[in-house]
């Protein structure tokens, strides 16, 4: 599992006092940075490999400004050229958000998906999701 801590910002808080729903996908993406680094070690968009295909988010409980949140990211499934992640956001040890996202390893120069390399596959397998 990958773990990221985020401090909610005032600008992410909406008029009813909780974190706006549009902020959540951005926080979930922040939890994927270590995975992005596996596919594009130099972080260059010229060599970027991870293309999003699908994202689903379930809002379970409200999140508030002034208290840190924790983003947990697991590998749910590894395909030939794609991978599915399972993600959760917790605040005060309470599940607030859960979701899934699917990415494909894509060669933008050749405009086609490519097999996930074995060395990346091995690292991803270390973070496989085991249902609780």
C-alpha atoms as a PDB file:
ATOM      1  CA  UNK A   1       0.000   0.000   0.000  1.00  0.00           C
ATOM      2  CA  UNK A   2       1.125   3.528  -0.756  1.00  0.00           C
ATOM      3  CA  UNK A   3       0.384   6.157   1.888  1.00  0.00           C
ATOM      4  CA  UNK A   4       0.175   9.945   1.430  1.00  0.00           C
ATOM      5  CA  UNK A   5      -0.722  12.602   4.008  1.00  0.00           C
ATOM      6  CA  UNK A   6      -2.499  15.761   2.872  1.00  0.00           C
ATOM      7  CA  UNK A   7      -3.293  18.914   4.832  1.00  0.00           C
ATOM      8  CA  UNK A   8      -6.605  20.329   3.620  1.00  0.00           C
ATOM      9  CA  UNK A   9      -6.403  23.950   2.480  1.00  0.00           C
ATOM     10  CA  UNK A  10      -8.913  26.718   3.130  1.00  0.00           C
ATOM     11  CA  UNK A  11      -9.410  27.102  -0.629  1.00  0.00           C
ATOM     12  CA  UNK A  12     -10.609  23.477  -0.806  1.00  0.00           C
ATOM     13  CA  UNK A  13     -13.361  24.097   1.743  1.00  0.00           C
ATOM     14  CA  UNK A  14     -16.804  24.944   0.404  1.00  0.00           C
ATOM     15  CA  UNK A  15     -19.618  27.125   1.715  1.00  0.00           C
ATOM     16  CA  UNK A  16     -21.087  24.432   3.955  1.00  0.00           C
ATOM     17  CA  UNK A  17     -17.775  23.879   5.771  1.00  0.00           C
ATOM     18  CA  UNK A  18     -16.496  20.639   4.325  1.00  0.00           C
ATOM     19  CA  UNK A  19     -13.956  19.819   1.618  1.00  0.00           C
ATOM     20  CA  UNK A  20     -15.481  20.281  -1.826  1.00  0.00           C
ATOM     21  CA  UNK A  21     -16.176  17.102  -3.785  1.00  0.00           C
ATOM     22  CA  UNK A  22     -14.107  18.367  -6.733  1.00  0.00           C
ATOM     23  CA  UNK A  23     -10.987  18.324  -4.533  1.00  0.00           C
ATOM     24  CA  UNK A  24     -11.168  14.591  -3.849  1.00  0.00           C
ATOM     25  CA  UNK A  25      -9.996  13.354  -7.278  1.00  0.00           C
ATOM     26  CA  UNK A  26      -6.978  15.670  -6.983  1.00  0.00           C
ATOM     27  CA  UNK A  27      -6.083  14.209  -3.585  1.00  0.00           C
ATOM     28  CA  UNK A  28      -6.505  10.666  -4.892  1.00  0.00           C
ATOM     29  CA  UNK A  29      -4.175  11.495  -7.766  1.00  0.00           C
ATOM     30  CA  UNK A  30      -1.586  12.794  -5.268  1.00  0.00           C
ATOM     31  CA  UNK A  31      -1.623   9.326  -3.726  1.00  0.00           C
ATOM     32  CA  UNK A  32      -0.504   7.885  -7.071  1.00  0.00           C
ATOM     33  CA  UNK A  33       2.740   9.853  -7.371  1.00  0.00           C
ATOM     34  CA  UNK A  34       4.953   6.910  -6.405  1.00  0.00           C
ATOM     35  CA  UNK A  35       3.249   4.772  -9.048  1.00  0.00           C
ATOM     36  CA  UNK A  36       3.704   7.481 -11.681  1.00  0.00           C
ATOM     37  CA  UNK A  37       7.407   7.545 -10.758  1.00  0.00           C
ATOM     38  CA  UNK A  38       7.706   3.820 -11.529  1.00  0.00           C
ATOM     39  CA  UNK A  39       6.466   4.366 -15.077  1.00  0.00           C
ATOM     40  CA  UNK A  40       8.114   7.757 -15.702  1.00  0.00           C
ATOM     41  CA  UNK A  41      11.189   8.026 -13.434  1.00  0.00           C
ATOM     42  CA  UNK A  42      12.190  11.463 -14.767  1.00  0.00           C
ATOM     43  CA  UNK A  43       8.668  12.893 -14.227  1.00  0.00           C
ATOM     44  CA  UNK A  44       8.740  14.382 -17.720  1.00  0.00           C
ATOM     45  CA  UNK A  45       5.496  14.756 -19.589  1.00  0.00           C
ATOM     46  CA  UNK A  46       7.436  14.095 -22.785  1.00  0.00           C
ATOM     47  CA  UNK A  47       7.975  10.518 -21.545  1.00  0.00           C
ATOM     48  CA  UNK A  48       4.718  10.179 -19.586  1.00  0.00           C
ATOM     49  CA  UNK A  49       3.293   6.640 -19.583  1.00  0.00           C
ATOM     50  CA  UNK A  50       0.176   6.602 -17.372  1.00  0.00           C
ATOM     51  CA  UNK A  51      -3.067   7.384 -19.172  1.00  0.00           C
ATOM     52  CA  UNK A  52      -6.295   7.280 -17.158  1.00  0.00           C
ATOM     53  CA  UNK A  53      -9.138   5.223 -18.583  1.00  0.00           C
ATOM     54  CA  UNK A  54     -11.744   5.222 -15.828  1.00  0.00           C
ATOM     55  CA  UNK A  55     -12.303   6.590 -12.331  1.00  0.00           C
ATOM     56  CA  UNK A  56     -15.042   5.910  -9.783  1.00  0.00           C
ATOM     57  CA  UNK A  57     -15.388   7.697  -6.452  1.00  0.00           C
ATOM     58  CA  UNK A  58     -17.734   6.940  -3.564  1.00  0.00           C
ATOM     59  CA  UNK A  59     -18.179   9.720  -1.017  1.00  0.00           C
ATOM     60  CA  UNK A  60     -18.737   7.937   2.293  1.00  0.00           C
ATOM     61  CA  UNK A  61     -18.348  10.734   4.865  1.00  0.00           C
ATOM     62  CA  UNK A  62     -17.548  14.441   4.923  1.00  0.00           C
ATOM     63  CA  UNK A  63     -13.976  15.726   5.208  1.00  0.00           C
ATOM     64  CA  UNK A  64     -13.145  18.940   7.051  1.00  0.00           C
ATOM     65  CA  UNK A  65     -10.512  21.662   6.983  1.00  0.00           C
ATOM     66  CA  UNK A  66      -8.023  21.739   9.847  1.00  0.00           C
ATOM     67  CA  UNK A  67      -7.451  17.989  10.170  1.00  0.00           C
ATOM     68  CA  UNK A  68      -5.020  15.991   8.057  1.00  0.00           C
ATOM     69  CA  UNK A  69      -6.244  13.301   5.715  1.00  0.00           C
ATOM     70  CA  UNK A  70      -4.542  10.083   4.717  1.00  0.00           C
ATOM     71  CA  UNK A  71      -4.695   8.703   1.193  1.00  0.00           C
ATOM     72  CA  UNK A  72      -4.164   4.949   0.831  1.00  0.00           C
ATOM     73  CA  UNK A  73      -3.494   3.466  -2.588  1.00  0.00           C
ATOM     74  CA  UNK A  74      -3.362  -0.235  -3.401  1.00  0.00           C
ATOM     75  CA  UNK A  75      -2.937  -2.169  -6.608  1.00  0.00           C
ATOM     76  CA  UNK A  76      -6.191  -4.011  -7.226  1.00  0.00           C
ATOM     77  CA  UNK A  77      -5.378  -5.692 -10.537  1.00  0.00           C
ATOM     78  CA  UNK A  78      -2.441  -5.830 -12.931  1.00  0.00           C
ATOM     79  CA  UNK A  79      -3.260  -6.630 -16.533  1.00  0.00           C
ATOM     80  CA  UNK A  80      -1.018  -6.917 -19.550  1.00  0.00           C
ATOM     81  CA  UNK A  81      -0.827  -3.173 -20.217  1.00  0.00           C
ATOM     82  CA  UNK A  82      -3.260  -1.772 -17.640  1.00  0.00           C
ATOM     83  CA  UNK A  83      -3.637  -1.631 -13.891  1.00  0.00           C
ATOM     84  CA  UNK A  84      -6.528  -0.929 -11.570  1.00  0.00           C
ATOM     85  CA  UNK A  85      -6.025   0.811  -8.240  1.00  0.00           C
ATOM     86  CA  UNK A  86      -8.194   0.779  -5.137  1.00  0.00           C
ATOM     87  CA  UNK A  87      -7.994   3.970  -3.076  1.00  0.00           C
ATOM     88  CA  UNK A  88      -9.287   5.281   0.224  1.00  0.00           C
ATOM     89  CA  UNK A  89      -9.180   8.619   2.015  1.00  0.00           C
ATOM     90  CA  UNK A  90      -9.423   8.641   5.813  1.00  0.00           C
ATOM     91  CA  UNK A  91      -9.722  11.481   8.288  1.00  0.00           C
ATOM     92  CA  UNK A  92      -9.476  10.844  12.036  1.00  0.00           C
ATOM     93  CA  UNK A  93      -9.203   7.087  11.311  1.00  0.00           C
ATOM     94  CA  UNK A  94     -12.587   7.158   9.575  1.00  0.00           C
ATOM     95  CA  UNK A  95     -13.190   6.081   5.988  1.00  0.00           C
ATOM     96  CA  UNK A  96     -14.429   9.117   4.049  1.00  0.00           C
ATOM     97  CA  UNK A  97     -13.833   8.233   0.393  1.00  0.00           C
ATOM     98  CA  UNK A  98     -13.196   5.063  -1.568  1.00  0.00           C
ATOM     99  CA  UNK A  99     -12.717   4.531  -5.240  1.00  0.00           C
ATOM    100  CA  UNK A 100     -11.078   2.793  -8.139  1.00  0.00           C
ATOM    101  CA  UNK A 101      -9.122   4.037 -11.107  1.00  0.00           C
ATOM    102  CA  UNK A 102      -7.783   2.275 -14.192  1.00  0.00           C
ATOM    103  CA  UNK A 103      -4.652   3.340 -16.064  1.00  0.00           C
ATOM    104  CA  UNK A 104      -2.948   2.022 -19.166  1.00  0.00           C
ATOM    105  CA  UNK A 105       0.800   2.018 -19.817  1.00  0.00           C
ATOM    106  CA  UNK A 106       0.767   4.087 -22.995  1.00  0.00           C
ATOM    107  CA  UNK A 107       3.518   5.096 -25.393  1.00  0.00           C
ATOM    108  CA  UNK A 108       2.482   8.578 -26.524  1.00  0.00           C
ATOM    109  CA  UNK A 109       5.070   8.679 -29.313  1.00  0.00           C
ATOM    110  CA  UNK A 110       3.873   5.437 -30.891  1.00  0.00           C
ATOM    111  CA  UNK A 111       0.263   6.085 -29.814  1.00  0.00           C
ATOM    112  CA  UNK A 112      -0.301   2.606 -28.434  1.00  0.00           C
ATOM    113  CA  UNK A 113      -0.468   0.763 -25.157  1.00  0.00           C
ATOM    114  CA  UNK A 114       2.509  -1.341 -24.096  1.00  0.00           C
ATOM    115  CA  UNK A 115       3.006  -4.269 -21.767  1.00  0.00           C
ATOM    116  CA  UNK A 116       3.868  -3.306 -18.195  1.00  0.00           C
ATOM    117  CA  UNK A 117       7.576  -4.162 -17.778  1.00  0.00           C
ATOM    118  CA  UNK A 118       8.410  -7.053 -15.439  1.00  0.00           C
ATOM    119  CA  UNK A 119      10.424  -4.904 -13.007  1.00  0.00           C
ATOM    120  CA  UNK A 120       7.489  -2.517 -12.580  1.00  0.00           C
ATOM    121  CA  UNK A 121       5.065  -5.428 -12.321  1.00  0.00           C
ATOM    122  CA  UNK A 122       7.127  -6.911  -9.456  1.00  0.00           C
ATOM    123  CA  UNK A 123       7.087  -3.616  -7.554  1.00  0.00           C
ATOM    124  CA  UNK A 124       3.340  -3.200  -8.081  1.00  0.00           C
ATOM    125  CA  UNK A 125       2.714  -6.726  -6.782  1.00  0.00           C
ATOM    126  CA  UNK A 126       4.236  -5.662  -3.441  1.00  0.00           C
ATOM    127  CA  UNK A 127       1.238  -3.321  -3.012  1.00  0.00           C
ATOM    128  CA  UNK A 128      -1.608  -5.644  -3.959  1.00  0.00           C
ATOM    129  CA  UNK A 129      -4.908  -5.029  -2.211  1.00  0.00           C
ATOM    130  CA  UNK A 130      -5.999  -7.667   0.272  1.00  0.00           C
ATOM    131  CA  UNK A 131      -9.631  -7.147   1.221  1.00  0.00           C
ATOM    132  CA  UNK A 132     -10.028  -6.433   4.908  1.00  0.00           C
END
